[in-house]
C-alpha cells in the first residue's frame, strides 16, 4: 500500500529513513565525544601518576606539585562526570 506524500525505497518511507539517519549521526557524535573524553581522561591519569611520582621523590614537600595534582584530580573528576552523563544528558556533547 502506498501512502500519499511518501516516497518509498525498499518499502520504507523516506521520512523514517531520514529519522534513522539522524539517530545514526547522533550516535556517531556520541561515539566521537566518548572517545575524545576517554583519551583526555587517559592523558589526565598519566599526568596524575607523574605528579604523584614526583611528589614521592620530593617527599611530598612541593606545594606547586601538590597544587598541580589537585587540579588534575579535579579535571579527572569532571571528565568522569561527563562520561557518565553522555547517555543521560545529551547536553554534555
N, C-alpha and C. Protein backbone atom coordinates (compact mmCIF):
# COMPACT_ATOMS: atom_id res chain seq x y z
N UNK A 1 0.84 -1.18 0.00
CA UNK A 1 0.00 0.00 0.00
C UNK A 1 0.89 1.24 0.00
N UNK A 2 0.62 2.16 -0.87
CA UNK A 2 1.40 3.39 -0.96
C UNK A 2 0.58 4.53 -0.36
N UNK A 3 1.18 5.23 0.59
CA UNK A 3 0.51 6.35 1.23
C UNK A 3 0.81 7.63 0.47
N UNK A 4 -0.17 8.50 0.34
CA UNK A 4 0.07 9.76 -0.37
C UNK A 4 1.13 10.60 0.38
N UNK A 5 2.03 11.21 -0.37
CA UNK A 5 3.03 12.10 0.22
C UNK A 5 4.30 11.39 0.68
N UNK A 6 4.40 10.08 0.50
CA UNK A 6 5.60 9.34 0.92
C UNK A 6 6.28 8.74 -0.30
N UNK A 7 7.57 8.79 -0.30
CA UNK A 7 8.35 8.11 -1.34
C UNK A 7 8.96 6.89 -0.67
N UNK A 8 8.72 5.74 -1.27
CA UNK A 8 9.20 4.50 -0.66
C UNK A 8 10.43 3.99 -1.39
N UNK A 9 11.43 3.62 -0.60
CA UNK A 9 12.60 2.93 -1.12
C UNK A 9 12.72 1.68 -0.27
N UNK A 10 12.75 0.55 -0.91
CA UNK A 10 12.80 -0.72 -0.18
C UNK A 10 11.70 -0.81 0.86
N UNK A 11 10.54 -0.25 0.55
CA UNK A 11 9.35 -0.30 1.36
C UNK A 11 9.45 0.49 2.67
N UNK A 12 10.40 1.41 2.81
CA UNK A 12 10.49 2.28 3.99
C UNK A 12 10.21 3.71 3.56
N UNK A 13 9.33 4.41 4.27
CA UNK A 13 9.09 5.81 3.93
C UNK A 13 10.37 6.61 4.09
N UNK A 14 10.59 7.58 3.20
CA UNK A 14 11.80 8.40 3.23
C UNK A 14 11.94 9.15 4.55
N UNK A 15 10.82 9.66 5.11
CA UNK A 15 10.94 10.43 6.34
C UNK A 15 11.41 9.54 7.49
N UNK A 16 11.05 8.26 7.48
CA UNK A 16 11.53 7.35 8.51
C UNK A 16 13.01 7.05 8.31
N UNK A 17 13.43 6.95 7.06
CA UNK A 17 14.85 6.70 6.78
C UNK A 17 15.68 7.90 7.22
N UNK A 18 15.20 9.11 6.95
CA UNK A 18 15.92 10.31 7.37
C UNK A 18 16.03 10.37 8.88
N UNK A 19 14.97 10.00 9.56
CA UNK A 19 14.97 9.98 11.02
C UNK A 19 16.01 8.99 11.52
N UNK A 20 16.07 7.84 10.89
CA UNK A 20 17.06 6.83 11.25
C UNK A 20 18.47 7.35 11.03
N UNK A 21 18.66 8.08 9.94
CA UNK A 21 19.96 8.66 9.63
C UNK A 21 20.38 9.66 10.69
N UNK A 22 19.43 10.47 11.16
CA UNK A 22 19.73 11.43 12.23
C UNK A 22 20.13 10.72 13.50
N UNK A 23 19.47 9.60 13.82
CA UNK A 23 19.84 8.83 15.01
C UNK A 23 21.26 8.30 14.88
N UNK A 24 21.61 7.84 13.67
CA UNK A 24 22.97 7.36 13.45
C UNK A 24 23.98 8.48 13.59
N UNK A 25 23.64 9.68 13.10
CA UNK A 25 24.51 10.83 13.24
C UNK A 25 24.70 11.18 14.71
N UNK A 26 23.61 11.13 15.48
CA UNK A 26 23.69 11.40 16.92
C UNK A 26 24.56 10.37 17.61
N UNK A 27 24.37 9.10 17.24
CA UNK A 27 25.19 8.03 17.82
C UNK A 27 26.65 8.21 17.45
N UNK A 28 26.92 8.61 16.19
CA UNK A 28 28.29 8.85 15.77
C UNK A 28 28.92 9.98 16.57
N UNK A 29 28.15 11.06 16.78
CA UNK A 29 28.65 12.19 17.58
C UNK A 29 28.94 11.77 19.00
N UNK A 30 28.01 10.99 19.58
CA UNK A 30 28.21 10.48 20.95
C UNK A 30 29.47 9.62 21.01
N UNK A 31 29.63 8.76 20.01
CA UNK A 31 30.80 7.89 19.97
C UNK A 31 32.09 8.67 19.87
N UNK A 32 32.09 9.69 19.01
CA UNK A 32 33.29 10.53 18.87
C UNK A 32 33.58 11.27 20.17
N UNK A 33 32.54 11.82 20.78
CA UNK A 33 32.72 12.55 22.04
C UNK A 33 33.21 11.61 23.14
N UNK A 34 32.67 10.39 23.17
CA UNK A 34 33.09 9.39 24.14
C UNK A 34 34.58 9.10 23.99
N UNK A 35 35.03 8.87 22.75
CA UNK A 35 36.44 8.57 22.52
C UNK A 35 37.34 9.76 22.88
N UNK A 36 36.88 10.98 22.59
CA UNK A 36 37.64 12.17 22.97
C UNK A 36 37.79 12.26 24.48
N UNK A 37 36.70 12.01 25.20
CA UNK A 37 36.74 12.08 26.66
C UNK A 37 37.61 10.97 27.25
N UNK A 38 37.54 9.78 26.68
CA UNK A 38 38.38 8.67 27.15
C UNK A 38 39.86 9.02 26.94
N UNK A 39 40.18 9.59 25.80
CA UNK A 39 41.56 9.99 25.51
C UNK A 39 42.03 11.06 26.51
N UNK A 40 41.17 12.05 26.72
CA UNK A 40 41.50 13.11 27.66
C UNK A 40 41.66 12.56 29.08
N UNK A 41 40.78 11.63 29.46
CA UNK A 41 40.85 11.03 30.79
C UNK A 41 42.14 10.22 30.94
N UNK A 42 42.51 9.49 29.92
CA UNK A 42 43.73 8.69 29.94
C UNK A 42 44.97 9.57 30.09
N UNK A 43 45.02 10.65 29.33
CA UNK A 43 46.13 11.59 29.44
C UNK A 43 46.20 12.22 30.82
N UNK A 44 45.05 12.54 31.39
CA UNK A 44 44.99 13.12 32.73
C UNK A 44 45.49 12.11 33.76
N UNK A 45 45.10 10.86 33.60
CA UNK A 45 45.56 9.82 34.53
C UNK A 45 47.08 9.68 34.47
N UNK A 46 47.65 9.72 33.27
CA UNK A 46 49.11 9.65 33.14
C UNK A 46 49.77 10.83 33.85
N UNK A 47 49.19 12.00 33.71
CA UNK A 47 49.73 13.18 34.38
C UNK A 47 49.64 13.06 35.89
N UNK A 48 48.54 12.51 36.38
CA UNK A 48 48.36 12.30 37.82
C UNK A 48 49.45 11.37 38.35
N UNK A 49 49.68 10.28 37.65
CA UNK A 49 50.71 9.32 38.08
C UNK A 49 52.08 10.00 38.08
N UNK A 50 52.34 10.81 37.09
CA UNK A 50 53.61 11.52 37.01
C UNK A 50 53.79 12.48 38.19
N UNK A 51 52.74 13.21 38.52
CA UNK A 51 52.81 14.16 39.65
C UNK A 51 52.98 13.43 40.97
N UNK A 52 52.26 12.33 41.14
CA UNK A 52 52.39 11.56 42.39
C UNK A 52 53.82 11.01 42.50
N UNK A 53 54.36 10.51 41.40
CA UNK A 53 55.73 10.00 41.42
C UNK A 53 56.72 11.10 41.80
N UNK A 54 56.52 12.28 41.23
CA UNK A 54 57.41 13.40 41.56
C UNK A 54 57.26 13.81 43.02
N UNK A 55 56.03 13.83 43.52
CA UNK A 55 55.81 14.18 44.92
C UNK A 55 56.47 13.17 45.86
N UNK A 56 56.40 11.91 45.51
CA UNK A 56 57.07 10.88 46.32
C UNK A 56 58.58 11.12 46.33
N UNK A 57 59.11 11.44 45.17
CA UNK A 57 60.55 11.71 45.06
C UNK A 57 60.95 12.89 45.96
N UNK A 58 60.11 13.90 46.01
CA UNK A 58 60.41 15.10 46.82
C UNK A 58 59.79 15.00 48.21
N UNK A 59 59.40 13.78 48.59
CA UNK A 59 58.85 13.51 49.92
C UNK A 59 57.66 14.42 50.25
N UNK A 60 56.83 14.67 49.26
CA UNK A 60 55.58 15.42 49.40
C UNK A 60 55.83 16.86 49.86
N UNK A 61 57.02 17.40 49.58
CA UNK A 61 57.37 18.73 50.06
C UNK A 61 57.28 19.81 48.98
N UNK A 62 56.56 19.57 47.93
CA UNK A 62 56.46 20.55 46.85
C UNK A 62 55.03 21.09 46.75
N UNK A 63 54.81 22.31 47.24
CA UNK A 63 53.46 22.89 47.15
C UNK A 63 52.97 23.05 45.71
N UNK A 64 53.88 23.36 44.80
CA UNK A 64 53.44 23.53 43.40
C UNK A 64 52.98 22.20 42.81
N UNK A 65 53.71 21.11 43.09
CA UNK A 65 53.28 19.80 42.60
C UNK A 65 51.97 19.38 43.26
N UNK A 66 51.81 19.69 44.53
CA UNK A 66 50.56 19.37 45.22
C UNK A 66 49.39 20.11 44.57
N UNK A 67 49.61 21.35 44.24
CA UNK A 67 48.57 22.16 43.59
C UNK A 67 48.23 21.61 42.20
N UNK A 68 49.27 21.27 41.45
CA UNK A 68 49.04 20.71 40.11
C UNK A 68 48.28 19.39 40.20
N UNK A 69 48.63 18.58 41.19
CA UNK A 69 47.95 17.30 41.38
C UNK A 69 46.48 17.52 41.71
N UNK A 70 46.21 18.48 42.57
CA UNK A 70 44.83 18.79 42.94
C UNK A 70 44.02 19.20 41.70
N UNK A 71 44.61 20.04 40.86
CA UNK A 71 43.93 20.47 39.63
C UNK A 71 43.67 19.30 38.69
N UNK A 72 44.65 18.41 38.57
CA UNK A 72 44.48 17.24 37.70
C UNK A 72 43.38 16.32 38.21
N UNK A 73 43.31 16.16 39.51
CA UNK A 73 42.26 15.30 40.09
C UNK A 73 40.88 15.92 39.83
N UNK A 74 40.78 17.23 39.95
CA UNK A 74 39.50 17.90 39.67
C UNK A 74 39.13 17.75 38.19
N UNK A 75 40.13 17.86 37.31
CA UNK A 75 39.89 17.69 35.87
C UNK A 75 39.41 16.26 35.59
N UNK A 76 40.07 15.29 36.21
CA UNK A 76 39.69 13.89 36.03
C UNK A 76 38.25 13.66 36.49
N UNK A 77 37.91 14.24 37.62
CA UNK A 77 36.54 14.12 38.15
C UNK A 77 35.52 14.70 37.17
N UNK A 78 35.85 15.84 36.60
CA UNK A 78 34.96 16.50 35.64
C UNK A 78 34.76 15.63 34.39
N UNK A 79 35.85 15.08 33.88
CA UNK A 79 35.77 14.22 32.69
C UNK A 79 34.92 12.99 32.99
N UNK A 80 35.12 12.39 34.16
CA UNK A 80 34.36 11.21 34.55
C UNK A 80 32.87 11.52 34.62
N UNK A 81 32.53 12.68 35.17
CA UNK A 81 31.12 13.07 35.23
C UNK A 81 30.54 13.23 33.82
N UNK A 82 31.32 13.81 32.91
CA UNK A 82 30.85 13.97 31.53
C UNK A 82 30.64 12.61 30.87
N UNK A 83 31.59 11.70 31.10
CA UNK A 83 31.45 10.35 30.53
C UNK A 83 30.22 9.66 31.08
N UNK A 84 30.00 9.76 32.36
CA UNK A 84 28.86 9.10 32.98
C UNK A 84 27.54 9.71 32.51
N UNK A 85 27.56 10.97 32.11
CA UNK A 85 26.34 11.64 31.71
C UNK A 85 26.05 11.62 30.23
N UNK A 86 26.93 11.01 29.42
CA UNK A 86 26.71 11.02 27.97
C UNK A 86 25.36 10.43 27.57
N UNK A 87 25.01 9.31 28.14
CA UNK A 87 23.74 8.67 27.79
C UNK A 87 22.56 9.31 28.49
N UNK A 88 22.82 9.92 29.65
CA UNK A 88 21.73 10.50 30.43
C UNK A 88 21.33 11.89 29.94
N UNK A 89 22.33 12.64 29.47
CA UNK A 89 22.06 14.03 29.12
C UNK A 89 22.86 14.41 27.90
N UNK A 90 22.21 14.55 26.78
CA UNK A 90 22.90 14.87 25.52
C UNK A 90 23.50 16.26 25.52
N UNK A 91 23.22 17.10 26.52
CA UNK A 91 23.78 18.44 26.54
C UNK A 91 25.27 18.42 26.81
N UNK A 92 25.82 17.31 27.29
CA UNK A 92 27.25 17.22 27.53
C UNK A 92 28.04 17.12 26.23
N UNK A 93 27.36 16.83 25.15
CA UNK A 93 28.03 16.75 23.87
C UNK A 93 28.35 18.14 23.43
